[in-house]
Amino acid sequence: MPNYKTGQQLLDEARARVNEIFARDAIALRAAKPDVVFLDIREQPEVNLGRIPGAVHLARGSMETKIEALIPREKRVVIYCANGNRSAFAADTLQQMGYRDVASMAGGFRDWVALGGDVEG
């Protein structure tokens, strides 16, 4: 019988391999280091409800094929989604693609908004 992993196991493994940053720290980082790239990997209907000002939007489903044309590997990147799960998987993938200064925003856009982070749209 095959030894399958659950979605939660895969998520836990991805989180163990990536740097996670809490929304409160991401808000402070954005204020202190305006050159940090915030990457929004939510789907367009989610983005239409609001986003972090200046964030680059690439839906998770097309990230791997489009990111290299938009964000250089040497940039510092904070990835966010709605609640922090998709961003953990995305950060893991970007590290495999050679991006070294990548973080997943734990709690995602939900926590960003709850903590009073800037929102546009």
PDB file of N, CA and C in Angstrom:
ATOM      1  N   MET A   1       0.837  -1.185   0.000  1.00  0.00           N
ATOM      2  CA  MET A   1       0.000   0.000   0.000  1.00  0.00           C
ATOM      3  C   MET A   1       0.885   1.253   0.000  1.00  0.00           C
ATOM      4  N   PRO A   2       0.591   2.224  -0.880  1.00  0.00           N
ATOM      5  CA  PRO A   2       1.406   3.442  -0.942  1.00  0.00           C
ATOM      6  C   PRO A   2       1.335   4.238   0.358  1.00  0.00           C
ATOM      7  N   ASN A   3       2.421   4.933   0.634  1.00  0.00           N
ATOM      8  CA  ASN A   3       2.497   5.757   1.830  1.00  0.00           C
ATOM      9  C   ASN A   3       2.235   7.211   1.432  1.00  0.00           C
ATOM     10  N   TYR A   4       0.972   7.604   1.445  1.00  0.00           N
ATOM     11  CA  TYR A   4       0.593   8.961   1.065  1.00  0.00           C
ATOM     12  C   TYR A   4       0.703   9.906   2.243  1.00  0.00           C
ATOM     13  N   LYS A   5       0.881  11.176   1.924  1.00  0.00           N
ATOM     14  CA  LYS A   5       0.895  12.219   2.946  1.00  0.00           C
ATOM     15  C   LYS A   5      -0.410  12.998   2.866  1.00  0.00           C
ATOM     16  N   THR A   6      -0.824  13.511   3.991  1.00  0.00           N
ATOM     17  CA  THR A   6      -2.002  14.369   4.009  1.00  0.00           C
ATOM     18  C   THR A   6      -1.603  15.779   3.592  1.00  0.00           C
ATOM     19  N   GLY A   7      -2.598  16.573   3.257  1.00  0.00           N
ATOM     20  CA  GLY A   7      -2.330  17.970   2.943  1.00  0.00           C
ATOM     21  C   GLY A   7      -1.685  18.691   4.113  1.00  0.00           C
ATOM     22  N   GLN A   8      -2.127  18.372   5.321  1.00  0.00           N
ATOM     23  CA  GLN A   8      -1.556  19.011   6.510  1.00  0.00           C
ATOM     24  C   GLN A   8      -0.091  18.628   6.687  1.00  0.00           C
ATOM     25  N   GLN A   9       0.249  17.371   6.406  1.00  0.00           N
ATOM     26  CA  GLN A   9       1.652  16.954   6.506  1.00  0.00           C
ATOM     27  C   GLN A   9       2.514  17.720   5.501  1.00  0.00           C
ATOM     28  N   LEU A  10       2.020  17.861   4.284  1.00  0.00           N
ATOM     29  CA  LEU A  10       2.765  18.610   3.271  1.00  0.00           C
ATOM     30  C   LEU A  10       2.945  20.066   3.692  1.00  0.00           C
ATOM     31  N   LEU A  11       1.894  20.656   4.252  1.00  0.00           N
ATOM     32  CA  LEU A  11       1.974  22.037   4.722  1.00  0.00           C
ATOM     33  C   LEU A  11       2.976  22.169   5.860  1.00  0.00           C
ATOM     34  N   ASP A  12       2.933  21.254   6.810  1.00  0.00           N
ATOM     35  CA  ASP A  12       3.878  21.286   7.930  1.00  0.00           C
ATOM     36  C   ASP A  12       5.319  21.169   7.442  1.00  0.00           C
ATOM     37  N   GLU A  13       5.556  20.304   6.456  1.00  0.00           N
ATOM     38  CA  GLU A  13       6.901  20.137   5.904  1.00  0.00           C
ATOM     39  C   GLU A  13       7.361  21.414   5.194  1.00  0.00           C
ATOM     40  N   ALA A  14       6.470  22.027   4.427  1.00  0.00           N
ATOM     41  CA  ALA A  14       6.826  23.277   3.741  1.00  0.00           C
ATOM     42  C   ALA A  14       7.158  24.357   4.763  1.00  0.00           C
ATOM     43  N   ARG A  15       6.335  24.467   5.797  1.00  0.00           N
ATOM     44  CA  ARG A  15       6.577  25.490   6.826  1.00  0.00           C
ATOM     45  C   ARG A  15       7.904  25.265   7.548  1.00  0.00           C
ATOM     46  N   ALA A  16       8.298  24.021   7.697  1.00  0.00           N
ATOM     47  CA  ALA A  16       9.570  23.719   8.361  1.00  0.00           C
ATOM     48  C   ALA A  16      10.761  24.154   7.505  1.00  0.00           C
ATOM     49  N   ARG A  17      10.560  24.264   6.190  1.00  0.00           N
ATOM     50  CA  ARG A  17      11.655  24.610   5.283  1.00  0.00           C
ATOM     51  C   ARG A  17      11.743  26.100   4.973  1.00  0.00           C
ATOM     52  N   VAL A  18      10.717  26.863   5.321  1.00  0.00           N
ATOM     53  CA  VAL A  18      10.705  28.276   4.934  1.00  0.00           C
ATOM     54  C   VAL A  18      10.710  29.190   6.151  1.00  0.00           C
ATOM     55  N   ASN A  19      11.057  30.430   5.903  1.00  0.00           N
ATOM     56  CA  ASN A  19      10.991  31.467   6.924  1.00  0.00           C
ATOM     57  C   ASN A  19       9.570  32.017   6.931  1.00  0.00           C
ATOM     58  N   GLU A  20       8.952  32.055   8.101  1.00  0.00           N
ATOM     59  CA  GLU A  20       7.629  32.665   8.222  1.00  0.00           C
ATOM     60  C   GLU A  20       7.764  33.964   9.005  1.00  0.00           C
ATOM     61  N   ILE A  21       7.024  34.968   8.579  1.00  0.00           N
ATOM     62  CA  ILE A  21       7.031  36.271   9.223  1.00  0.00           C
ATOM     63  C   ILE A  21       5.590  36.600   9.609  1.00  0.00           C
ATOM     64  N   PHE A  22       5.387  37.070  10.812  1.00  0.00           N
ATOM     65  CA  PHE A  22       4.045  37.453  11.246  1.00  0.00           C
ATOM     66  C   PHE A  22       3.661  38.773  10.592  1.00  0.00           C
ATOM     67  N   ALA A  23       2.374  38.993  10.437  1.00  0.00           N
ATOM     68  CA  ALA A  23       1.885  40.201   9.771  1.00  0.00           C
ATOM     69  C   ALA A  23       2.393  41.468  10.452  1.00  0.00           C
ATOM     70  N   ARG A  24       2.435  41.490  11.777  1.00  0.00           N
ATOM     71  CA  ARG A  24       2.906  42.703  12.471  1.00  0.00           C
ATOM     72  C   ARG A  24       4.356  43.011  12.094  1.00  0.00           C
ATOM     73  N   ASP A  25       5.165  41.963  11.914  1.00  0.00           N
ATOM     74  CA  ASP A  25       6.560  42.162  11.517  1.00  0.00           C
ATOM     75  C   ASP A  25       6.659  42.553  10.043  1.00  0.00           C
ATOM     76  N   ALA A  26       5.750  42.030   9.218  1.00  0.00           N
ATOM     77  CA  ALA A  26       5.733  42.397   7.801  1.00  0.00           C
ATOM     78  C   ALA A  26       5.343  43.864   7.630  1.00  0.00           C
ATOM     79  N   ILE A  27       4.411  44.341   8.456  1.00  0.00           N
ATOM     80  CA  ILE A  27       4.014  45.752   8.415  1.00  0.00           C
ATOM     81  C   ILE A  27       5.218  46.631   8.753  1.00  0.00           C
ATOM     82  N   ALA A  28       5.944  46.267   9.793  1.00  0.00           N
ATOM     83  CA  ALA A  28       7.136  47.029  10.191  1.00  0.00           C
ATOM     84  C   ALA A  28       8.220  46.944   9.120  1.00  0.00           C
ATOM     85  N   LEU A  29       8.409  45.769   8.533  1.00  0.00           N
ATOM     86  CA  LEU A  29       9.412  45.584   7.487  1.00  0.00           C
ATOM     87  C   LEU A  29       9.095  46.464   6.282  1.00  0.00           C
ATOM     88  N   ARG A  30       7.846  46.509   5.887  1.00  0.00           N
ATOM     89  CA  ARG A  30       7.445  47.331   4.735  1.00  0.00           C
ATOM     90  C   ARG A  30       7.745  48.802   4.989  1.00  0.00           C
ATOM     91  N   ALA A  31       7.529  49.256   6.214  1.00  0.00           N
ATOM     92  CA  ALA A  31       7.804  50.654   6.560  1.00  0.00           C
ATOM     93  C   ALA A  31       9.302  50.947   6.579  1.00  0.00           C
ATOM     94  N   ALA A  32      10.092  49.994   7.055  1.00  0.00           N
ATOM     95  CA  ALA A  32      11.538  50.196   7.197  1.00  0.00           C
ATOM     96  C   ALA A  32      12.310  49.930   5.909  1.00  0.00           C
ATOM     97  N   LYS A  33      11.827  49.022   5.094  1.00  0.00           N
ATOM     98  CA  LYS A  33      12.538  48.598   3.881  1.00  0.00           C
ATOM     99  C   LYS A  33      11.580  48.629   2.691  1.00  0.00           C
ATOM    100  N   PRO A  34      11.357  49.793   2.105  1.00  0.00           N
ATOM    101  CA  PRO A  34      10.385  49.889   1.014  1.00  0.00           C
ATOM    102  C   PRO A  34      10.765  49.115  -0.248  1.00  0.00           C
ATOM    103  N   ASP A  35      12.009  48.627  -0.336  1.00  0.00           N
ATOM    104  CA  ASP A  35      12.422  47.860  -1.514  1.00  0.00           C
ATOM    105  C   ASP A  35      12.041  46.384  -1.422  1.00  0.00           C
ATOM    106  N   VAL A  36      11.497  45.943  -0.295  1.00  0.00           N
ATOM    107  CA  VAL A  36      11.042  44.558  -0.164  1.00  0.00           C
ATOM    108  C   VAL A  36       9.838  44.363  -1.079  1.00  0.00           C
ATOM    109  N   VAL A  37       9.833  43.258  -1.818  1.00  0.00           N
ATOM    110  CA  VAL A  37       8.730  42.952  -2.723  1.00  0.00           C
ATOM    111  C   VAL A  37       7.692  42.123  -1.971  1.00  0.00           C
ATOM    112  N   PHE A  38       6.459  42.601  -1.973  1.00  0.00           N
ATOM    113  CA  PHE A  38       5.348  41.821  -1.436  1.00  0.00           C
ATOM    114  C   PHE A  38       4.669  41.143  -2.614  1.00  0.00           C
ATOM    115  N   LEU A  39       4.582  39.818  -2.551  1.00  0.00           N
ATOM    116  CA  LEU A  39       4.014  39.015  -3.629  1.00  0.00           C
ATOM    117  C   LEU A  39       2.677  38.449  -3.177  1.00  0.00           C
ATOM    118  N   ASP A  40       1.620  38.876  -3.830  1.00  0.00           N
ATOM    119  CA  ASP A  40       0.254  38.444  -3.538  1.00  0.00           C
ATOM    120  C   ASP A  40      -0.074  37.274  -4.451  1.00  0.00           C
ATOM    121  N   ILE A  41      -0.260  36.089  -3.881  1.00  0.00           N
ATOM    122  CA  ILE A  41      -0.522  34.907  -4.707  1.00  0.00           C
ATOM    123  C   ILE A  41      -1.983  34.470  -4.662  1.00  0.00           C
ATOM    124  N   ARG A  42      -2.845  35.355  -4.182  1.00  0.00           N
ATOM    125  CA  ARG A  42      -4.269  35.031  -4.145  1.00  0.00           C
ATOM    126  C   ARG A  42      -4.865  35.082  -5.553  1.00  0.00           C
ATOM    127  N   GLU A  43      -6.050  34.534  -5.688  1.00  0.00           N
ATOM    128  CA  GLU A  43      -6.769  34.577  -6.958  1.00  0.00           C
ATOM    129  C   GLU A  43      -7.360  35.977  -7.157  1.00  0.00           C
ATOM    130  N   GLN A  44      -7.636  36.332  -8.407  1.00  0.00           N
ATOM    131  CA  GLN A  44      -8.105  37.678  -8.729  1.00  0.00           C
ATOM    132  C   GLN A  44      -9.343  38.107  -7.936  1.00  0.00           C
ATOM    133  N   PRO A  45     -10.351  37.263  -7.753  1.00  0.00           N
ATOM    134  CA  PRO A  45     -11.500  37.710  -6.948  1.00  0.00           C
ATOM    135  C   PRO A  45     -11.114  38.103  -5.516  1.00  0.00           C
ATOM    136  N   GLU A  46     -10.103  37.458  -4.954  1.00  0.00           N
ATOM    137  CA  GLU A  46      -9.626  37.823  -3.618  1.00  0.00           C
ATOM    138  C   GLU A  46      -8.914  39.175  -3.653  1.00  0.00           C
ATOM    139  N   VAL A  47      -8.097  39.372  -4.673  1.00  0.00           N
ATOM    140  CA  VAL A  47      -7.345  40.620  -4.821  1.00  0.00           C
ATOM    141  C   VAL A  47      -8.304  41.794  -5.015  1.00  0.00           C
ATOM    142  N   ASN A  48      -9.401  41.558  -5.709  1.00  0.00           N
ATOM    143  CA  ASN A  48     -10.383  42.618  -5.951  1.00  0.00           C
ATOM    144  C   ASN A  48     -10.966  43.176  -4.657  1.00  0.00           C
ATOM    145  N   LEU A  49     -10.878  42.423  -3.576  1.00  0.00           N
ATOM    146  CA  LEU A  49     -11.392  42.867  -2.278  1.00  0.00           C
ATOM    147  C   LEU A  49     -10.392  43.741  -1.524  1.00  0.00           C
ATOM    148  N   GLY A  50      -9.174  43.842  -2.029  1.00  0.00           N
ATOM    149  CA  GLY A  50      -8.140  44.654  -1.407  1.00  0.00           C
ATOM    150  C   GLY A  50      -6.805  43.948  -1.439  1.00  0.00           C
ATOM    151  N   ARG A  51      -5.742  44.755  -1.392  1.00  0.00           N
ATOM    152  CA  ARG A  51      -4.393  44.190  -1.394  1.00  0.00           C
ATOM    153  C   ARG A  51      -3.430  45.158  -0.738  1.00  0.00           C
ATOM    154  N   ILE A  52      -2.234  44.670  -0.464  1.00  0.00           N
ATOM    155  CA  ILE A  52      -1.185  45.517   0.088  1.00  0.00           C
ATOM    156  C   ILE A  52      -0.719  46.457  -1.026  1.00  0.00           C
ATOM    157  N   PRO A  53      -0.673  47.764  -0.767  1.00  0.00           N
ATOM    158  CA  PRO A  53      -0.264  48.711  -1.808  1.00  0.00           C
ATOM    159  C   PRO A  53       1.108  48.363  -2.402  1.00  0.00           C
ATOM    160  N   GLY A  54       1.160  48.355  -3.729  1.00  0.00           N
ATOM    161  CA  GLY A  54       2.407  48.086  -4.428  1.00  0.00           C
ATOM    162  C   GLY A  54       2.769  46.623  -4.569  1.00  0.00           C
ATOM    163  N   ALA A  55       1.953  45.739  -4.023  1.00  0.00           N
ATOM    164  CA  ALA A  55       2.260  44.306  -4.118  1.00  0.00           C
ATOM    165  C   ALA A  55       2.199  43.840  -5.568  1.00  0.00           C
ATOM    166  N   VAL A  56       3.069  42.892  -5.893  1.00  0.00           N
ATOM    167  CA  VAL A  56       3.041  42.229  -7.193  1.00  0.00           C
ATOM    168  C   VAL A  56       2.024  41.104  -7.082  1.00  0.00           C
ATOM    169  N   HIS A  57       1.106  41.027  -8.041  1.00  0.00           N
ATOM    170  CA  HIS A  57       0.121  39.946  -8.005  1.00  0.00           C
ATOM    171  C   HIS A  57       0.461  38.884  -9.036  1.00  0.00           C
ATOM    172  N   LEU A  58       0.586  37.660  -8.567  1.00  0.00           N
ATOM    173  CA  LEU A  58       0.728  36.474  -9.412  1.00  0.00           C
ATOM    174  C   LEU A  58      -0.082  35.380  -8.744  1.00  0.00           C
ATOM    175  N   ALA A  59      -1.153  34.965  -9.362  1.00  0.00           N
ATOM    176  CA  ALA A  59      -1.948  33.889  -8.774  1.00  0.00           C
ATOM    177  C   ALA A  59      -1.070  32.658  -8.588  1.00  0.00           C
ATOM    178  N   ARG A  60      -1.294  31.936  -7.528  1.00  0.00           N
ATOM    179  CA  ARG A  60      -0.475  30.767  -7.189  1.00  0.00           C
ATOM    180  C   ARG A  60      -0.338  29.802  -8.361  1.00  0.00           C
ATOM    181  N   GLY A  61      -1.389  29.638  -9.129  1.00  0.00           N
ATOM    182  CA  GLY A  61      -1.369  28.684 -10.236  1.00  0.00           C
ATOM    183  C   GLY A  61      -0.427  29.041 -11.371  1.00  0.00           C
ATOM    184  N   SER A  62      -0.019  30.302 -11.474  1.00  0.00           N
ATOM    185  CA  SER A  62       0.893  30.697 -12.554  1.00  0.00           C
ATOM    186  C   SER A  62       2.230  31.224 -12.045  1.00  0.00           C
ATOM    187  N   MET A  63       2.442  31.159 -10.753  1.00  0.00           N
ATOM    188  CA  MET A  63       3.639  31.746 -10.161  1.00  0.00           C
ATOM    189  C   MET A  63       4.931  31.185 -10.753  1.00  0.00           C
ATOM    190  N   GLU A  64       5.041  29.881 -10.821  1.00  0.00           N
ATOM    191  CA  GLU A  64       6.298  29.271 -11.266  1.00  0.00           C
ATOM    192  C   GLU A  64       6.683  29.676 -12.682  1.00  0.00           C
ATOM    193  N   THR A  65       5.702  29.869 -13.547  1.00  0.00           N
ATOM    194  CA  THR A  65       6.012  30.168 -14.942  1.00  0.00           C
ATOM    195  C   THR A  65       6.194  31.653 -15.227  1.00  0.00           C
ATOM    196  N   LYS A  66       5.809  32.522 -14.292  1.00  0.00           N
ATOM    197  CA  LYS A  66       5.871  33.961 -14.561  1.00  0.00           C
ATOM    198  C   LYS A  66       6.776  34.757 -13.634  1.00  0.00           C
ATOM    199  N   ILE A  67       7.154  34.197 -12.515  1.00  0.00           N
ATOM    200  CA  ILE A  67       7.867  34.981 -11.496  1.00  0.00           C
ATOM    201  C   ILE A  67       9.226  35.489 -11.953  1.00  0.00           C
ATOM    202  N   GLU A  68       9.949  34.679 -12.700  1.00  0.00           N
ATOM    203  CA  GLU A  68      11.307  35.067 -13.087  1.00  0.00           C
ATOM    204  C   GLU A  68      11.330  36.331 -13.943  1.00  0.00           C
ATOM    205  N   ALA A  69      10.273  36.583 -14.686  1.00  0.00           N
ATOM    206  CA  ALA A  69      10.200  37.786 -15.515  1.00  0.00           C
ATOM    207  C   ALA A  69       9.826  39.023 -14.699  1.00  0.00           C
ATOM    208  N   LEU A  70       9.326  38.824 -13.493  1.00  0.00           N
ATOM    209  CA  LEU A  70       8.835  39.941 -12.683  1.00  0.00           C
ATOM    210  C   LEU A  70       9.703  40.288 -11.484  1.00  0.00           C
ATOM    211  N   ILE A  71      10.290  39.285 -10.851  1.00  0.00           N
ATOM    212  CA  ILE A  71      11.038  39.525  -9.616  1.00  0.00           C
ATOM    213  C   ILE A  71      12.403  38.846  -9.705  1.00  0.00           C
ATOM    214  N   PRO A  72      13.492  39.620  -9.650  1.00  0.00           N
ATOM    215  CA  PRO A  72      14.828  39.021  -9.670  1.00  0.00           C
ATOM    216  C   PRO A  72      15.066  38.147  -8.434  1.00  0.00           C
ATOM    217  N   ARG A  73      15.863  37.118  -8.603  1.00  0.00           N
ATOM    218  CA  ARG A  73      16.145  36.177  -7.510  1.00  0.00           C
ATOM    219  C   ARG A  73      16.815  36.833  -6.300  1.00  0.00           C
ATOM    220  N   GLU A  74      17.526  37.921  -6.514  1.00  0.00           N
ATOM    221  CA  GLU A  74      18.254  38.534  -5.397  1.00  0.00           C
ATOM    222  C   GLU A  74      17.375  39.451  -4.535  1.00  0.00           C
ATOM    223  N   LYS A  75      16.145  39.701  -4.937  1.00  0.00           N
ATOM    224  CA  LYS A  75      15.254  40.574  -4.161  1.00  0.00           C
ATOM    225  C   LYS A  75      14.730  39.855  -2.918  1.00  0.00           C
ATOM    226  N   ARG A  76      14.463  40.641  -1.893  1.00  0.00           N
ATOM    227  CA  ARG A  76      13.799  40.118  -0.699  1.00  0.00           C
ATOM    228  C   ARG A  76      12.301  40.079  -1.000  1.00  0.00           C
ATOM    229  N   VAL A  77      11.675  38.926  -0.772  1.00  0.00           N
ATOM    230  CA  VAL A  77      10.274  38.727  -1.141  1.00  0.00           C
ATOM    231  C   VAL A  77       9.485  38.227   0.066  1.00  0.00           C
ATOM    232  N   VAL A  78       8.364  38.887   0.336  1.00  0.00           N
ATOM    233  CA  VAL A  78       7.409  38.419   1.341  1.00  0.00           C
ATOM    234  C   VAL A  78       6.161  37.996   0.577  1.00  0.00           C
ATOM    235  N   ILE A  79       5.816  36.729   0.694  1.00  0.00           N
ATOM    236  CA  ILE A  79       4.677  36.172  -0.029  1.00  0.00           C
ATOM    237  C   ILE A  79       3.476  36.115   0.900  1.00  0.00           C
ATOM    238  N   TYR A  80       2.327  36.513   0.367  1.00  0.00           N
ATOM    239  CA  TYR A  80       1.117  36.391   1.180  1.00  0.00           C
ATOM    240  C   TYR A  80      -0.052  35.862   0.363  1.00  0.00           C
ATOM    241  N   CYS A  81      -0.957  35.216   1.083  1.00  0.00           N
ATOM    242  CA  CYS A  81      -2.220  34.739   0.536  1.00  0.00           C
ATOM    243  C   CYS A  81      -3.303  35.170   1.520  1.00  0.00           C
ATOM    244  N   ALA A  82      -4.407  34.479   1.565  1.00  0.00           N
ATOM    245  CA  ALA A  82      -5.490  34.872   2.471  1.00  0.00           C
ATOM    246  C   ALA A  82      -5.144  34.602   3.927  1.00  0.00           C
ATOM    247  N   ASN A  83      -4.581  33.405   4.206  1.00  0.00           N
ATOM    248  CA  ASN A  83      -4.339  33.045   5.614  1.00  0.00           C
ATOM    249  C   ASN A  83      -2.984  32.415   5.902  1.00  0.00           C
ATOM    250  N   GLY A  84      -2.123  32.293   4.912  1.00  0.00           N
ATOM    251  CA  GLY A  84      -0.768  31.816   5.154  1.00  0.00           C
ATOM    252  C   GLY A  84      -0.452  30.404   4.714  1.00  0.00           C
ATOM    253  N   ASN A  85      -1.429  29.663   4.224  1.00  0.00           N
ATOM    254  CA  ASN A  85      -1.141  28.299   3.786  1.00  0.00           C
ATOM    255  C   ASN A  85      -0.532  28.263   2.388  1.00  0.00           C
ATOM    256  N   ARG A  86      -1.197  28.873   1.415  1.00  0.00           N
ATOM    257  CA  ARG A  86      -0.664  28.879   0.046  1.00  0.00           C
ATOM    258  C   ARG A  86       0.686  29.568  -0.011  1.00  0.00           C
ATOM    259  N   SER A  87       0.862  30.598   0.813  1.00  0.00           N
ATOM    260  CA  SER A  87       2.141  31.315   0.787  1.00  0.00           C
ATOM    261  C   SER A  87       3.286  30.451   1.302  1.00  0.00           C
ATOM    262  N   ALA A  88       3.011  29.549   2.231  1.00  0.00           N
ATOM    263  CA  ALA A  88       4.062  28.637   2.708  1.00  0.00           C
ATOM    264  C   ALA A  88       4.506  27.711   1.580  1.00  0.00           C
ATOM    265  N   PHE A  89       3.538  27.162   0.852  1.00  0.00           N
ATOM    266  CA  PHE A  89       3.884  26.309  -0.292  1.00  0.00           C
ATOM    267  C   PHE A  89       4.636  27.114  -1.355  1.00  0.00           C
ATOM    268  N   ALA A  90       4.190  28.336  -1.608  1.00  0.00           N
ATOM    269  CA  ALA A  90       4.832  29.178  -2.621  1.00  0.00           C
ATOM    270  C   ALA A  90       6.258  29.540  -2.224  1.00  0.00           C
ATOM    271  N   ALA A  91       6.473  29.860  -0.956  1.00  0.00           N
ATOM    272  CA  ALA A  91       7.827  30.188  -0.490  1.00  0.00           C
ATOM    273  C   ALA A  91       8.749  28.988  -0.645  1.00  0.00           C
ATOM    274  N   ASP A  92       8.243  27.815  -0.337  1.00  0.00           N
ATOM    275  CA  ASP A  92       9.019  26.586  -0.500  1.00  0.00           C
ATOM    276  C   ASP A  92       9.413  26.406  -1.967  1.00  0.00           C
ATOM    277  N   THR A  93       8.474  26.634  -2.853  1.00  0.00           N
ATOM    278  CA  THR A  93       8.744  26.503  -4.284  1.00  0.00           C
ATOM    279  C   THR A  93       9.771  27.531  -4.754  1.00  0.00           C
ATOM    280  N   LEU A  94       9.621  28.790  -4.326  1.00  0.00           N
ATOM    281  CA  LEU A  94      10.581  29.817  -4.756  1.00  0.00           C
ATOM    282  C   LEU A  94      11.987  29.499  -4.275  1.00  0.00           C
ATOM    283  N   GLN A  95      12.113  28.962  -3.085  1.00  0.00           N
ATOM    284  CA  GLN A  95      13.445  28.555  -2.607  1.00  0.00           C
ATOM    285  C   GLN A  95      14.029  27.486  -3.525  1.00  0.00           C
ATOM    286  N   GLN A  96      13.211  26.560  -3.967  1.00  0.00           N
ATOM    287  CA  GLN A  96      13.685  25.532  -4.892  1.00  0.00           C
ATOM    288  C   GLN A  96      14.085  26.137  -6.235  1.00  0.00           C
ATOM    289  N   MET A  97      13.499  27.285  -6.572  1.00  0.00           N
ATOM    290  CA  MET A  97      13.809  27.976  -7.823  1.00  0.00           C
ATOM    291  C   MET A  97      14.997  28.926  -7.685  1.00  0.00           C
ATOM    292  N   GLY A  98      15.625  28.965  -6.516  1.00  0.00           N
ATOM    293  CA  GLY A  98      16.821  29.775  -6.342  1.00  0.00           C
ATOM    294  C   GLY A  98      16.620  31.113  -5.661  1.00  0.00           C
ATOM    295  N   TYR A  99      15.419  31.418  -5.238  1.00  0.00           N
ATOM    296  CA  TYR A  99      15.165  32.640  -4.464  1.00  0.00           C
ATOM    297  C   TYR A  99      15.578  32.342  -3.031  1.00  0.00           C
ATOM    298  N   ARG A 100      16.471  33.148  -2.479  1.00  0.00           N
ATOM    299  CA  ARG A 100      17.050  32.832  -1.167  1.00  0.00           C
ATOM    300  C   ARG A 100      16.514  33.685  -0.025  1.00  0.00           C
ATOM    301  N   ASP A 101      16.014  34.875  -0.327  1.00  0.00           N
ATOM    302  CA  ASP A 101      15.535  35.768   0.730  1.00  0.00           C
ATOM    303  C   ASP A 101      14.015  35.874   0.624  1.00  0.00           C
ATOM    304  N   VAL A 102      13.353  34.787   0.980  1.00  0.00           N
ATOM    305  CA  VAL A 102      11.909  34.647   0.817  1.00  0.00           C
ATOM    306  C   VAL A 102      11.279  34.353   2.170  1.00  0.00           C
ATOM    307  N   ALA A 103      10.126  34.952   2.414  1.00  0.00           N
ATOM    308  CA  ALA A 103       9.371  34.652   3.632  1.00  0.00           C
ATOM    309  C   ALA A 103       7.899  34.506   3.283  1.00  0.00           C
ATOM    310  N   SER A 104       7.228  33.652   4.022  1.00  0.00           N
ATOM    311  CA  SER A 104       5.782  33.490   3.932  1.00  0.00           C
ATOM    312  C   SER A 104       5.155  34.269   5.078  1.00  0.00           C
ATOM    313  N   MET A 105       4.129  35.058   4.774  1.00  0.00           N
ATOM    314  CA  MET A 105       3.474  35.826   5.830  1.00  0.00           C
ATOM    315  C   MET A 105       2.421  34.956   6.521  1.00  0.00           C
ATOM    316  N   ALA A 106       2.751  34.511   7.731  1.00  0.00           N
ATOM    317  CA  ALA A 106       1.830  33.703   8.530  1.00  0.00           C
ATOM    318  C   ALA A 106       0.591  34.529   8.846  1.00  0.00           C
ATOM    319  N   GLY A 107      -0.563  33.930   8.710  1.00  0.00           N
ATOM    320  CA  GLY A 107      -1.807  34.647   8.960  1.00  0.00           C
ATOM    321  C   GLY A 107      -2.321  35.406   7.756  1.00  0.00           C
ATOM    322  N   GLY A 108      -1.451  35.599   6.763  1.00  0.00           N
ATOM    323  CA  GLY A 108      -1.831  36.182   5.489  1.00  0.00           C
ATOM    324  C   GLY A 108      -2.473  37.557   5.547  1.00  0.00           C
ATOM    325  N   PHE A 109      -3.190  37.854   4.479  1.00  0.00           N
ATOM    326  CA  PHE A 109      -3.846  39.152   4.326  1.00  0.00           C
ATOM    327  C   PHE A 109      -4.875  39.379   5.431  1.00  0.00           C
ATOM    328  N   ARG A 110      -5.476  38.307   5.901  1.00  0.00           N
ATOM    329  CA  ARG A 110      -6.451  38.406   7.001  1.00  0.00           C
ATOM    330  C   ARG A 110      -5.829  39.095   8.209  1.00  0.00           C
ATOM    331  N   ASP A 111      -4.642  38.632   8.627  1.00  0.00           N
ATOM    332  CA  ASP A 111      -3.976  39.230   9.783  1.00  0.00           C
ATOM    333  C   ASP A 111      -3.465  40.633   9.474  1.00  0.00           C
ATOM    334  N   TRP A 112      -2.983  40.844   8.245  1.00  0.00           N
ATOM    335  CA  TRP A 112      -2.513  42.167   7.830  1.00  0.00           C
ATOM    336  C   TRP A 112      -3.622  43.201   8.044  1.00  0.00           C
ATOM    337  N   VAL A 113      -4.822  42.879   7.560  1.00  0.00           N
ATOM    338  CA  VAL A 113      -5.964  43.790   7.692  1.00  0.00           C
ATOM    339  C   VAL A 113      -6.347  43.964   9.159  1.00  0.00           C
ATOM    340  N   ALA A 114      -6.399  42.861   9.903  1.00  0.00           N
ATOM    341  CA  ALA A 114      -6.792  42.908  11.314  1.00  0.00           C
ATOM    342  C   ALA A 114      -5.853  43.782  12.140  1.00  0.00           C
ATOM    343  N   LEU A 115      -4.579  43.843  11.725  1.00  0.00           N
ATOM    344  CA  LEU A 115      -3.586  44.627  12.457  1.00  0.00           C
ATOM    345  C   LEU A 115      -3.450  46.061  11.932  1.00  0.00           C
ATOM    346  N   GLY A 116      -4.286  46.424  10.985  1.00  0.00           N
ATOM    347  CA  GLY A 116      -4.282  47.800  10.488  1.00  0.00           C
ATOM    348  C   GLY A 116      -3.273  48.094   9.409  1.00  0.00           C
ATOM    349  N   GLY A 117      -2.765  47.059   8.731  1.00  0.00           N
ATOM    350  CA  GLY A 117      -1.841  47.288   7.626  1.00  0.00           C
ATOM    351  C   GLY A 117      -2.519  48.036   6.489  1.00  0.00           C
ATOM    352  N   ASP A 118      -1.727  48.792   5.728  1.00  0.00           N
ATOM    353  CA  ASP A 118      -2.268  49.555   4.600  1.00  0.00           C
ATOM    354  C   ASP A 118      -2.899  48.622   3.575  1.00  0.00           C
ATOM    355  N   VAL A 119      -4.028  49.054   3.028  1.00  0.00           N
ATOM    356  CA  VAL A 119      -4.755  48.278   2.021  1.00  0.00           C
ATOM    357  C   VAL A 119      -5.193  49.226   0.919  1.00  0.00           C
ATOM    358  N   GLU A 120      -5.092  48.757  -0.328  1.00  0.00           N
ATOM    359  CA  GLU A 120      -5.620  49.518  -1.458  1.00  0.00           C
ATOM    360  C   GLU A 120      -6.630  48.654  -2.201  1.00  0.00           C
ATOM    361  N   GLY A 121      -7.489  49.329  -2.948  1.00  0.00           N
ATOM    362  CA  GLY A 121      -8.446  48.606  -3.780  1.00  0.00           C
ATOM    363  C   GLY A 121      -9.758  48.292  -3.131  1.00  0.00           C
TER     364      GLY A 121
END
